[in-house]
Protein backbone atom coordinates (compact mmCIF):
# COMPACT_ATOMS: atom_id res chain seq x y z
CA UNK A 1 -5.50 12.92 -9.10
CA UNK A 2 -5.38 9.70 -8.87
CA UNK A 3 -3.31 7.51 -6.08
CA UNK A 4 -1.67 4.18 -6.99
CA UNK A 5 -0.56 1.33 -5.01
CA UNK A 6 1.47 -0.64 -7.86
CA UNK A 7 5.34 0.44 -6.15
CA UNK A 8 3.53 -2.09 -2.79
CA UNK A 9 2.75 -4.36 -4.63
CA UNK A 10 6.09 -5.03 -7.02
CA UNK A 11 7.49 -4.46 -3.41
CA UNK A 12 6.07 -7.41 -1.66
CA UNK A 13 6.29 -9.57 -4.32
CA UNK A 14 10.14 -8.30 -4.10
CA UNK A 15 9.70 -9.43 -0.78
CA UNK A 16 7.67 -12.92 -0.99
CA UNK A 17 4.77 -10.99 1.04
CA UNK A 18 1.74 -12.05 0.23
CA UNK A 19 -1.44 -10.04 0.69
CA UNK A 20 -2.57 -12.22 3.83
CA UNK A 21 0.44 -12.42 5.55
CA UNK A 22 0.90 -8.21 5.33
CA UNK A 23 -2.60 -7.95 6.75
CA UNK A 24 -1.17 -10.17 9.68
CA UNK A 25 1.94 -8.11 9.86
CA UNK A 26 1.01 -4.66 9.08
CA UNK A 27 -2.67 -5.61 12.07
CA UNK A 28 -4.55 -4.15 9.08
CA UNK A 29 -8.16 -4.87 7.87
CA UNK A 30 -9.52 -6.90 5.04
CA UNK A 31 -11.50 -3.79 4.01
CA UNK A 32 -8.44 -1.70 4.00
CA UNK A 33 -6.76 -4.26 1.66
CA UNK A 34 -9.31 -4.54 -0.70
CA UNK A 35 -9.26 -0.28 -0.85
CA UNK A 36 -5.60 -0.30 -1.64
CA UNK A 37 -6.30 -2.65 -4.18
CA UNK A 38 -8.79 -0.88 -6.17
CA UNK A 39 -6.22 2.25 -5.83
CA UNK A 40 -8.60 4.21 -2.97
CA UNK A 41 -7.55 6.97 -0.58
CA UNK A 42 -7.03 4.44 2.90
CA UNK A 43 -5.97 6.58 6.38
CA UNK A 44 -2.36 7.21 6.64
CA UNK A 45 -2.68 5.21 9.45
CA UNK A 46 -2.50 2.85 7.34
CA UNK A 47 -0.30 3.69 5.16
CA UNK A 48 2.57 4.01 8.41
CA UNK A 49 1.33 0.33 9.31
CA UNK A 50 1.95 -0.94 6.69
CA UNK A 51 5.60 1.05 6.24
CA UNK A 52 6.41 0.10 9.76
CA UNK A 53 5.62 -3.50 8.82
CA UNK A 54 8.18 -3.40 5.31
CA UNK A 55 10.34 -0.92 7.01
CA UNK A 56 10.55 1.26 4.21
CA UNK A 57 8.88 4.95 3.55
CA UNK A 58 5.33 6.15 2.62
CA UNK A 59 6.98 7.10 -0.96
CA UNK A 60 7.73 3.10 -1.77
CA UNK A 61 4.93 1.74 -1.34
CA UNK A 62 2.61 4.96 -2.77
CA UNK A 63 2.51 7.75 -5.64
CA UNK A 64 0.26 10.34 -6.16
CA UNK A 65 -0.68 10.03 -9.87
CA UNK A 66 -1.27 14.00 -11.25
CA UNK A 67 -4.53 14.35 -14.02
CA UNK A 68 -1.52 16.02 -16.41
CA UNK A 69 -0.13 12.69 -15.95
CA UNK A 70 -2.75 10.27 -16.79
């Protein structure tokens, strides 16, 4: 199983927000942003902060890719 944050990057493009702006808006660390950029796991709290900042749901920013879908 793999996590993909491609939906987050597309949403940022659509809203014309860059990563630095999101870090400030969501009050998350640069380390968390780096993990997101590598499709690594992050705490649910980080995802909730991002969703609150972007006014969206968790499924709008991430998806789980099962092994059979790879």
